[in-house]
Protein backbone atom coordinates (compact mmCIF):
# COMPACT_ATOMS: atom_id res chain seq x y z
CA MET A 1 49.14 -63.51 5.71
CA ILE A 2 45.77 -65.00 6.64
CA ASP A 3 43.53 -65.73 3.65
CA PHE A 4 40.08 -65.40 5.20
CA ARG A 5 38.32 -66.14 1.94
CA ALA A 6 40.14 -69.45 1.55
CA MET A 7 39.29 -70.33 5.14
CA ARG A 8 35.59 -69.63 4.52
CA GLU A 9 35.61 -71.58 1.26
CA ALA A 10 37.16 -74.53 3.07
CA ALA A 11 34.58 -74.28 5.86
CA LEU A 12 31.80 -74.17 3.26
CA SER A 13 33.13 -77.31 1.59
CA GLY A 14 33.21 -79.03 4.96
CA ILE A 15 29.59 -78.09 5.69
CA ASP A 16 28.50 -79.29 2.26
CA ALA A 17 30.12 -82.64 3.01
CA ARG A 18 28.31 -82.87 6.34
CA LEU A 19 24.98 -81.87 4.79
CA ALA A 20 25.33 -84.68 2.29
CA LYS A 21 25.11 -87.01 5.29
CA GLU A 22 22.68 -84.92 7.38
CA PRO A 23 20.49 -83.06 4.85
CA GLU A 24 17.93 -82.02 7.48
CA ALA A 25 20.43 -80.53 9.94
CA LEU A 26 18.98 -77.07 10.46
CA GLU A 27 22.02 -75.43 12.05
CA LEU A 28 24.26 -76.72 9.29
CA ARG A 29 21.92 -75.13 6.76
CA PHE A 30 22.07 -71.87 8.70
CA GLU A 31 25.85 -71.96 8.94
CA ARG A 32 26.05 -72.59 5.20
CA ALA A 33 23.91 -69.49 4.52
CA ARG A 34 26.05 -67.46 6.92
CA LEU A 35 29.25 -68.47 5.15
CA LEU A 36 27.76 -67.63 1.76
CA ASP A 37 26.85 -64.25 3.20
CA ALA A 38 30.40 -63.72 4.47
CA LEU A 39 31.76 -64.68 1.03
CA GLY A 40 29.60 -62.06 -0.66
CA ARG A 41 27.45 -64.61 -2.48
CA SER A 42 24.34 -62.65 -1.57
CA ALA A 43 21.71 -64.33 -3.74
CA GLU A 44 22.69 -67.78 -2.48
CA ALA A 45 22.83 -66.53 1.11
CA LEU A 46 19.34 -65.01 0.86
CA ALA A 47 18.01 -68.31 -0.48
CA GLY A 48 19.80 -70.14 2.32
CA TYR A 49 18.29 -68.00 5.07
CA GLU A 50 14.84 -68.36 3.52
CA ASP A 51 15.33 -72.13 3.42
CA VAL A 52 16.10 -72.18 7.15
CA LEU A 53 13.03 -70.04 7.88
CA SER A 54 10.81 -72.34 5.83
CA ARG A 55 11.78 -75.06 8.30
CA ASP A 56 11.83 -72.89 11.44
CA PRO A 57 9.96 -69.56 10.96
CA ALA A 58 11.10 -68.33 14.38
CA HIS A 59 14.83 -68.92 13.84
CA PHE A 60 16.21 -65.66 15.24
CA GLU A 61 19.64 -65.59 13.59
CA ALA A 62 18.31 -66.58 10.17
CA LEU A 63 15.57 -63.96 10.23
CA ASN A 64 17.89 -61.27 11.56
CA ASN A 65 20.61 -62.05 9.02
CA LEU A 66 18.06 -62.21 6.22
CA ALA A 67 16.78 -58.73 7.06
CA THR A 68 20.31 -57.35 7.36
CA LEU A 69 21.34 -58.77 3.99
CA GLN A 70 18.15 -57.53 2.37
CA PHE A 71 18.97 -54.03 3.57
CA LYS A 72 22.58 -54.26 2.38
CA THR A 73 21.48 -55.35 -1.08
CA GLY A 74 19.05 -52.48 -1.52
CA GLN A 75 15.85 -54.30 -0.58
CA ALA A 76 14.84 -51.80 2.09
CA ARG A 77 11.13 -52.63 2.01
CA SER A 78 11.76 -56.36 2.35
CA ALA A 79 14.23 -55.70 5.16
CA ARG A 80 11.65 -53.66 7.03
CA ILE A 81 9.06 -56.46 6.75
CA SER A 82 11.61 -59.02 7.94
CA TYR A 83 12.63 -56.90 10.93
CA GLN A 84 8.97 -56.35 11.81
CA THR A 85 8.50 -60.11 11.71
CA LEU A 86 11.57 -60.48 13.92
CA VAL A 87 10.06 -58.13 16.51
CA SER A 88 6.70 -59.90 16.45
CA ARG A 89 8.34 -63.29 17.02
CA HIS A 90 10.99 -62.13 19.49
CA ALA A 91 9.34 -59.22 21.30
CA GLN A 92 11.61 -59.57 24.34
CA ASN A 93 14.85 -59.44 22.38
CA PRO A 94 16.42 -55.95 22.36
CA VAL A 95 18.42 -56.71 19.19
CA ALA A 96 15.19 -57.15 17.23
CA HIS A 97 13.85 -53.76 18.34
CA ALA A 98 17.18 -51.99 17.73
CA ASN A 99 17.47 -53.40 14.23
CA LEU A 100 13.92 -52.44 13.33
CA GLY A 101 14.68 -48.99 14.74
CA PHE A 102 17.67 -48.77 12.42
CA VAL A 103 15.73 -49.45 9.23
CA LEU A 104 12.94 -47.09 10.31
CA LEU A 105 15.53 -44.39 10.99
CA LYS A 106 17.05 -44.90 7.55
CA ASN A 107 13.56 -44.47 6.10
CA GLY A 108 13.12 -41.16 7.93
CA GLU A 109 10.40 -42.46 10.29
CA LEU A 110 11.80 -40.82 13.39
CA PRO A 111 8.90 -41.33 15.87
CA ALA A 112 8.59 -45.04 15.00
CA ALA A 113 12.37 -45.52 15.14
CA ARG A 114 12.54 -43.74 18.49
CA GLU A 115 9.88 -46.06 19.87
CA GLN A 116 11.84 -49.15 18.82
CA TYR A 117 15.16 -47.91 20.18
CA SER A 118 13.48 -46.92 23.46
CA ARG A 119 11.97 -50.39 23.75
CA ALA A 120 15.39 -51.94 23.14
CA LEU A 121 16.81 -49.88 26.01
CA GLU A 122 13.95 -50.90 28.29
CA LEU A 123 14.98 -54.50 27.68
CA ASP A 124 18.72 -53.79 27.84
CA PRO A 125 19.75 -50.39 29.28
CA ASP A 126 23.31 -50.91 28.01
CA HIS A 127 22.45 -51.77 24.41
CA VAL A 128 25.12 -49.86 22.48
CA GLU A 129 23.40 -49.71 19.08
CA ALA A 130 20.15 -48.50 20.64
CA HIS A 131 22.02 -45.68 22.39
CA LYS A 132 23.68 -44.73 19.09
CA GLY A 133 20.42 -44.73 17.19
CA LEU A 134 18.42 -42.88 19.81
CA GLY A 135 21.15 -40.30 20.17
CA LEU A 136 21.09 -39.67 16.42
CA ILE A 137 17.32 -39.26 16.42
CA LEU A 138 17.47 -36.75 19.27
CA GLU A 139 20.17 -34.85 17.39
CA MET A 140 17.89 -34.66 14.35
CA LEU A 141 15.04 -33.45 16.57
CA GLY A 142 17.18 -30.67 18.03
CA ASP A 143 17.63 -32.21 21.51
CA THR A 144 21.39 -31.72 21.73
CA GLU A 145 21.69 -32.54 25.43
CA GLY A 146 19.72 -35.78 25.15
CA SER A 147 21.59 -36.73 22.02
CA GLN A 148 24.99 -36.32 23.62
CA ALA A 149 23.99 -38.40 26.63
CA HIS A 150 23.05 -41.36 24.45
CA ALA A 151 25.97 -40.88 22.06
CA GLU A 152 28.39 -40.96 24.98
CA ARG A 153 27.04 -44.35 26.06
CA GLY A 154 27.00 -45.64 22.51
CA PHE A 155 30.46 -44.59 21.36
CA ARG A 156 32.64 -44.12 24.44
CA ASP A 157 33.98 -47.70 24.28
CA SER A 158 33.76 -48.26 20.52
CA PRO A 159 34.51 -45.20 18.39
CA ILE A 160 36.11 -47.48 15.77
CA THR A 161 34.41 -50.29 13.86
CA SER A 162 36.61 -52.56 11.75
CA VAL A 163 35.44 -54.61 8.77
CA PRO A 164 38.13 -56.91 7.32
CA TYR A 165 38.70 -57.50 3.63
CA ARG A 166 37.14 -60.82 2.64
CA GLY A 167 38.89 -61.31 -0.69
CA ILE A 168 42.10 -63.10 -1.62
CA GLY A 169 45.47 -61.59 -0.80
CA ARG A 170 45.79 -58.00 0.39
CA ALA A 171 43.63 -54.99 -0.43
CA PRO A 172 43.99 -51.34 0.60
CA GLU A 173 43.02 -50.57 4.19
CA VAL A 174 40.67 -47.57 4.26
CA LEU A 175 40.38 -45.33 7.31
CA ALA A 176 36.87 -43.89 6.94
CA ILE A 177 36.26 -40.92 9.22
CA VAL A 178 32.59 -40.18 9.87
CA SER A 179 30.57 -37.85 12.05
CA TYR A 180 28.13 -38.96 14.69
CA SER A 181 25.68 -36.46 13.22
CA PRO A 182 23.81 -37.25 9.99
CA GLY A 183 25.39 -35.91 6.85
CA ASN A 184 28.08 -38.47 6.01
CA VAL A 185 29.06 -39.83 2.61
CA HIS A 186 27.20 -43.10 2.06
CA LEU A 187 30.12 -45.52 1.78
CA GLN A 188 28.26 -48.84 1.80
CA HIS A 189 28.46 -49.34 -1.98
CA TYR A 190 32.03 -48.06 -2.27
CA VAL A 191 34.07 -49.35 0.66
CA THR A 192 32.83 -52.93 0.69
CA PRO A 193 34.62 -55.95 2.21
CA ASP A 194 34.82 -57.45 -1.29
CA HIS A 195 37.19 -54.65 -2.27
CA PHE A 196 38.79 -53.13 0.85
CA GLY A 197 39.43 -53.51 4.52
CA MET A 198 37.94 -50.66 6.54
CA HIS A 199 38.27 -49.00 9.93
CA LYS A 200 35.36 -46.58 10.48
CA LEU A 201 36.19 -43.92 13.05
CA VAL A 202 33.58 -41.63 14.65
CA ALA A 203 35.35 -38.28 14.85
CA GLU A 204 33.56 -36.76 17.84
CA TYR A 205 34.29 -39.73 20.14
CA PHE A 206 37.82 -40.72 19.12
CA ASP A 207 40.50 -40.18 21.77
CA LEU A 208 43.06 -38.01 20.01
CA ALA A 209 45.77 -39.37 22.29
CA GLN A 210 45.35 -42.79 20.65
CA PRO A 211 47.18 -43.85 17.47
CA LEU A 212 45.23 -44.11 14.24
CA PRO A 213 44.35 -47.59 13.01
CA PRO A 214 46.65 -48.96 10.28
CA HIS A 215 45.59 -47.63 6.88
CA ASP A 216 46.69 -47.01 3.30
CA ILE A 217 44.29 -44.15 2.62
CA VAL A 218 41.89 -41.87 4.49
CA PHE A 219 38.36 -41.30 3.20
CA ASN A 220 36.91 -38.26 4.95
CA ALA A 221 33.23 -39.19 4.88
CA VAL A 222 32.12 -36.18 6.97
CA GLY A 223 30.11 -34.41 4.31
CA ASP A 224 27.52 -31.91 5.56
CA ALA A 225 29.38 -28.71 6.40
CA ASP A 226 26.22 -27.02 7.72
CA ILE A 227 26.04 -29.31 10.75
CA CYS A 228 29.38 -31.13 10.97
CA GLY A 229 31.73 -28.26 11.81
CA PRO A 230 33.05 -29.82 15.07
CA ALA A 231 33.62 -33.15 13.35
CA LEU A 232 35.53 -31.47 10.53
CA ASP A 233 37.78 -29.82 13.12
CA VAL A 234 38.67 -33.30 14.38
CA VAL A 235 39.24 -34.52 10.83
CA ARG A 236 41.74 -31.70 10.28
CA THR A 237 43.67 -32.88 13.33
CA LEU A 238 43.56 -36.52 12.25
CA VAL A 239 44.67 -36.03 8.65
CA ALA A 240 47.57 -33.89 9.88
CA ARG A 241 48.82 -36.99 11.69
CA THR A 242 49.03 -39.22 8.60
CA THR A 243 51.25 -39.26 5.54
CA LYS A 244 48.72 -41.31 3.58
CA PRO A 245 46.52 -39.88 0.80
CA VAL A 246 43.24 -38.25 1.82
CA ILE A 247 40.01 -38.28 -0.17
CA ASN A 248 38.02 -35.08 0.48
CA GLN A 249 40.26 -32.73 2.37
CA PRO A 250 38.33 -31.29 5.36
CA ASP A 251 38.89 -27.68 4.27
CA ALA A 252 37.27 -28.42 0.92
CA VAL A 253 34.28 -30.00 2.63
CA ALA A 254 33.98 -27.15 5.15
CA ALA A 255 33.60 -24.67 2.29
CA THR A 256 30.41 -26.36 1.00
CA THR A 257 27.87 -24.81 3.36
CA ARG A 258 24.77 -23.62 1.52
CA VAL A 259 25.60 -20.00 2.34
CA GLU A 260 29.19 -20.21 1.11
CA ASN A 261 28.22 -22.17 -1.99
CA ALA A 262 25.67 -19.50 -2.88
CA ASP A 263 28.37 -16.85 -2.67
CA ARG A 264 31.26 -18.53 -4.46
CA LEU A 265 29.41 -20.56 -7.09
CA GLY A 266 27.05 -17.72 -8.00
CA ILE A 267 29.91 -15.65 -9.44
CA LEU A 268 30.87 -18.34 -11.98
CA PRO A 269 29.88 -17.77 -15.61
CA ASP A 270 26.48 -19.23 -16.58
CA VAL A 271 25.73 -20.25 -12.97
CA ARG A 272 22.90 -18.94 -10.76
CA THR A 273 22.60 -19.58 -7.06
CA PRO A 274 19.72 -18.55 -4.80
CA GLN A 275 20.49 -15.91 -2.19
CA THR A 276 20.94 -17.86 1.05
CA VAL A 277 21.13 -16.43 4.57
CA GLU A 278 21.31 -18.18 7.93
CA LEU A 279 19.04 -16.66 10.60
CA ASP A 280 18.09 -17.41 14.20
CA ARG A 281 14.98 -19.54 14.41
CA ALA A 282 13.76 -17.48 17.36
CA THR A 283 13.82 -14.34 15.22
CA LEU A 284 11.84 -15.93 12.39
CA ALA A 285 9.39 -17.51 14.82
CA GLY A 286 8.63 -14.12 16.41
CA PRO A 287 6.85 -10.98 15.23
CA ASP A 288 10.04 -9.54 13.70
CA GLY A 289 10.60 -12.47 11.35
CA PRO A 290 9.18 -10.84 8.17
CA ALA A 291 11.14 -7.67 8.83
CA ALA A 292 14.37 -9.66 9.25
CA LEU A 293 13.75 -11.32 5.88
CA ALA A 294 12.99 -7.97 4.25
CA ASN A 295 16.21 -6.50 5.67
CA HIS A 296 18.11 -9.17 3.74
CA GLY A 297 16.24 -8.36 0.54
CA PHE A 298 13.94 -11.39 0.40
CA ASP A 299 10.63 -11.34 -1.45
CA PHE A 300 7.84 -13.89 -1.32
CA PRO A 301 7.60 -16.71 -2.09
CA LEU A 302 10.80 -17.86 -0.40
CA LEU A 303 12.08 -21.08 1.12
CA LEU A 304 12.89 -21.91 4.75
CA ARG A 305 15.02 -24.91 5.57
CA ALA A 306 16.52 -26.46 8.72
CA PRO A 307 20.25 -27.13 8.14
CA GLY A 308 21.34 -30.75 7.98
CA PHE A 309 18.07 -32.23 6.72
CA HIS A 310 17.61 -33.73 3.28
CA THR A 311 14.95 -35.37 1.08
CA GLY A 312 12.66 -32.40 1.67
CA GLU A 313 12.37 -32.78 5.44
CA HIS A 314 11.91 -29.48 7.34
CA PHE A 315 11.94 -27.60 4.04
CA GLU A 316 8.99 -25.33 3.22
CA ARG A 317 7.90 -22.78 0.65
CA ILE A 318 6.57 -19.63 2.33
CA GLU A 319 4.00 -17.69 0.34
CA ASN A 320 3.55 -14.58 2.50
CA GLN A 321 4.52 -12.84 5.75
CA ALA A 322 1.74 -14.47 7.72
CA ASP A 323 3.22 -17.95 7.19
CA VAL A 324 6.76 -17.21 8.41
CA ALA A 325 6.36 -17.69 12.17
CA ALA A 326 4.33 -20.90 11.95
CA ALA A 327 6.83 -22.49 9.57
CA ALA A 328 9.79 -21.48 11.75
CA ASN A 329 8.10 -22.94 14.82
CA ARG A 330 7.72 -26.28 13.04
CA MET A 331 11.46 -26.59 12.43
CA PRO A 332 14.05 -28.07 14.80
CA GLY A 333 17.30 -26.47 15.91
CA ASP A 334 18.35 -22.90 16.56
CA ARG A 335 19.14 -21.88 12.97
CA ILE A 336 17.15 -21.67 9.80
CA LEU A 337 18.28 -21.04 6.24
CA ALA A 338 16.29 -18.50 4.27
CA ILE A 339 16.64 -19.26 0.56
CA GLU A 340 15.54 -17.28 -2.48
CA PHE A 341 12.95 -19.12 -4.57
CA ILE A 342 14.04 -19.34 -8.20
CA ASP A 343 11.35 -20.47 -10.61
CA VAL A 344 12.95 -23.04 -12.92
CA ARG A 345 9.82 -24.28 -14.63
CA GLY A 346 10.25 -24.92 -18.32
CA GLU A 347 7.87 -23.76 -21.03
CA ASP A 348 5.87 -26.95 -20.41
CA ALA A 349 5.50 -25.96 -16.70
CA LEU A 350 7.67 -28.91 -15.64
CA ILE A 351 10.65 -28.72 -13.30
CA ARG A 352 13.73 -30.73 -14.21
CA LYS A 353 16.19 -31.50 -11.43
CA TYR A 354 19.47 -33.07 -12.48
CA ARG A 355 21.97 -34.90 -10.29
CA ALA A 356 25.60 -35.48 -11.23
CA ILE A 357 28.36 -37.03 -9.16
CA PHE A 358 31.96 -35.81 -9.07
CA VAL A 359 34.60 -38.57 -8.83
CA GLY A 360 38.16 -37.35 -9.13
CA ASP A 361 38.25 -35.22 -12.27
CA ALA A 362 35.16 -36.82 -13.79
CA ILE A 363 31.52 -35.71 -13.83
CA GLU A 364 29.17 -38.69 -13.87
CA PRO A 365 25.48 -38.13 -14.72
CA LEU A 366 23.22 -39.99 -12.27
CA HIS A 367 19.60 -39.06 -12.96
CA LEU A 368 17.06 -36.48 -14.02
CA ALA A 369 13.85 -36.06 -12.01
CA ILE A 370 10.86 -34.35 -13.66
CA SER A 371 7.85 -33.04 -11.76
CA ARG A 372 5.32 -30.22 -11.46
CA ASP A 373 6.07 -29.87 -7.73
CA TRP A 374 8.71 -27.35 -6.63
CA LYS A 375 9.97 -29.79 -3.98
CA ILE A 376 11.30 -32.41 -6.33
CA HIS A 377 13.08 -35.68 -5.56
CA TYR A 378 13.56 -38.66 -7.79
CA PHE A 379 11.54 -41.01 -5.59
CA SER A 380 8.50 -38.69 -5.68
CA ALA A 381 8.86 -37.25 -9.19
CA ASP A 382 6.70 -38.11 -12.21
CA MET A 383 9.00 -40.83 -13.51
CA THR A 384 7.45 -44.22 -12.82
CA GLU A 385 4.38 -43.78 -15.03
CA SER A 386 5.85 -41.45 -17.66
CA GLU A 387 7.74 -43.12 -20.47
CA ALA A 388 8.55 -39.68 -21.94
CA ASN A 389 10.16 -38.52 -18.68
CA ARG A 390 12.18 -41.71 -18.43
CA ALA A 391 13.37 -41.17 -22.00
CA GLU A 392 14.68 -37.72 -21.00
CA ASP A 393 16.37 -39.26 -17.99
CA GLU A 394 18.00 -41.91 -20.16
CA ALA A 395 19.23 -39.29 -22.64
CA PHE A 396 20.86 -37.29 -19.81
CA ILE A 397 22.60 -40.39 -18.45
CA ALA A 398 23.85 -41.34 -21.90
CA ASP A 399 25.11 -37.89 -22.93
CA LEU A 400 25.37 -35.17 -20.29
CA PRO A 401 26.84 -32.48 -22.59
CA GLY A 402 24.26 -33.26 -25.26
CA ALA A 403 21.38 -33.04 -22.79
CA LEU A 404 22.54 -29.82 -21.11
CA GLY A 405 24.30 -28.05 -23.92
CA ALA A 406 27.98 -27.13 -24.16
CA ARG A 407 27.65 -23.89 -22.18
CA ALA A 408 25.98 -25.57 -19.19
CA ALA A 409 28.42 -28.49 -19.32
CA THR A 410 31.32 -26.04 -19.16
CA ALA A 411 29.70 -24.28 -16.19
CA LEU A 412 29.29 -27.62 -14.45
CA GLU A 413 32.99 -28.32 -14.87
CA ALA A 414 33.76 -24.90 -13.34
CA ILE A 415 31.60 -25.82 -10.35
CA ARG A 416 33.45 -29.11 -9.94
CA LYS A 417 36.82 -27.36 -9.94
CA THR A 418 35.64 -24.71 -7.49
CA LEU A 419 34.34 -27.29 -5.02
CA ALA A 420 37.68 -29.16 -5.15
CA LEU A 421 36.12 -32.34 -3.77
CA ASP A 422 37.51 -35.74 -4.71
CA TYR A 423 34.01 -37.14 -4.20
CA GLY A 424 30.87 -35.04 -4.23
CA GLY A 425 27.89 -34.12 -6.31
CA ILE A 426 25.37 -31.52 -7.33
CA ASP A 427 21.61 -31.13 -7.71
CA PHE A 428 20.74 -28.46 -10.25
CA ALA A 429 18.29 -27.22 -12.86
CA LEU A 430 18.53 -25.14 -16.02
CA ASP A 431 16.72 -21.83 -16.26
CA ARG A 432 15.14 -20.70 -19.51
CA ASP A 433 18.36 -18.94 -20.50
CA GLY A 434 20.37 -22.15 -20.16
CA ASN A 435 22.14 -21.20 -16.92
CA ILE A 436 22.79 -23.81 -14.25
CA VAL A 437 20.73 -23.11 -11.13
CA VAL A 438 22.41 -24.75 -8.14
CA PHE A 439 20.16 -26.39 -5.55
CA GLU A 440 22.83 -28.21 -3.56
CA ALA A 441 26.49 -29.17 -4.05
CA ASN A 442 28.50 -31.11 -1.49
CA ALA A 443 29.94 -34.49 -0.53
CA THR A 444 26.73 -36.03 0.81
CA MET A 445 25.04 -36.78 -2.53
CA VAL A 446 23.48 -40.24 -2.42
CA VAL A 447 23.68 -42.65 -5.34
CA PRO A 448 20.52 -44.74 -4.84
CA VAL A 449 20.39 -48.20 -6.37
CA PRO A 450 17.38 -48.52 -8.72
CA LYS A 451 14.56 -50.80 -7.67
CA SER A 452 14.26 -54.21 -9.32
CA ASP A 453 11.86 -53.04 -12.01
CA PRO A 454 12.59 -53.34 -15.75
CA ARG A 455 11.64 -49.71 -16.18
CA TRP A 456 14.85 -48.72 -14.36
CA ASN A 457 17.26 -50.98 -16.22
CA TYR A 458 18.68 -48.02 -18.13
CA ARG A 459 19.75 -46.40 -14.83
CA ARG A 460 21.83 -49.32 -13.59
CA SER A 461 24.81 -48.59 -15.84
CA ALA A 462 25.15 -45.08 -14.39
CA VAL A 463 25.03 -46.37 -10.80
CA ASP A 464 27.49 -49.18 -11.55
CA ARG A 465 29.81 -46.74 -13.31
CA ILE A 466 29.87 -44.44 -10.28
CA HIS A 467 30.44 -47.31 -7.84
CA THR A 468 33.32 -48.58 -9.96
CA ALA A 469 34.82 -45.10 -10.41
CA VAL A 470 34.88 -44.46 -6.65
CA ARG A 471 36.48 -47.83 -5.92
CA GLU A 472 39.07 -47.20 -8.64
CA LEU A 473 39.77 -43.77 -7.18
CA ILE A 474 40.40 -45.28 -3.75
CA THR A 475 42.61 -48.03 -5.16
CA ARG A 476 44.58 -45.63 -7.35
CA ARG A 477 45.16 -43.08 -4.59
CA ALA A 478 46.08 -45.79 -2.06
CA ALA A 479 48.67 -47.19 -4.46
CA VAL A 480 50.28 -43.74 -4.74
């Protein structure tokens, strides 16, 4: 068995010995930073890349690797600045443009990301990552034909990406199945090379005649049932071909569409779900849109949402009939979800949106966002400047049943059992009667790492606990 970690440690010792004789050797300094990066010693690697750049500000590999590591370690803003610097110093390098496009895409800046990916393809028409990224953007913009053309060029020769375990000895090999479309479980903090080996397989472009990569466990990371139906069909076929354990059975994921969740969760005791109906965008965008909504029993205000989008994108509150067509015309795709608006303001006029993560049989509190705005997300809520709001958040993280009350905690457990996901989560509020009001419940719930600000120190234990719980779940199931 090859011990890659030992090999890298030996190589690092050799470079240190050479640097003792040639302390100004720039490429040795870069190779040292690269090995530290490969060994997972991120802080030292970041310092090493910065040291190289202090000596050669235009060093392409050091600047590119610095930006990549910044992004991996949760420093998205720093990564963006570093990639922008990379583009300014290496404007004719397609890799620089594709990597900047990637971080812009992750930040939801679709026009800017599209521009960078397009520039990368001007410089290199066969750039695989640029085709992948541009195809994903076009998918999000509703251009299915254009998306498929780029996806075909991006994935036809490489539907599987392998990342070896970099620890000592042997670790479980995870087969992570993902969709080309957005809406996957974010695995980067769970399936890391410090803990597992991984083969990531893109469902839509895998040749079903080929054998599966070697694996000890399958993690079905296809999570958004509203847009990933074809990918889930492939997952069903793939998991039927393995005897290994599967995290998130595809049938359980497929049942988490917003419409189906509204129907099956809304009948649970002490749970409320908004009426949710999927309608043709063309109908809502035309003169018969208000009548179609009325036929389904909707009153105003109501919510319109494009399936597959998150963080409030293509999600609008409609106040009256006159606003329906314009809002529908602003949304991508052929389908729109009409959602009942449930007022969950407390007596203080504040909205409290809770997020909890399901890992195995456990419910892990993640955060509480408090705001006066109906469209509430943690990053835009009134948390940074409000010590009182952060205190509420901290109390929820420390004691979920105490913060919600026994009745709501019991209802939350019923939701977890009904979803039957090994990994998933829920965004919800409490109405004034103490019922859980479900906003969203599926496998795509993100566990964001808090920014490096002392005000968020209390949140780190919750995030670390979830990361550890997921890794333990994978290890435990793989051992079975």
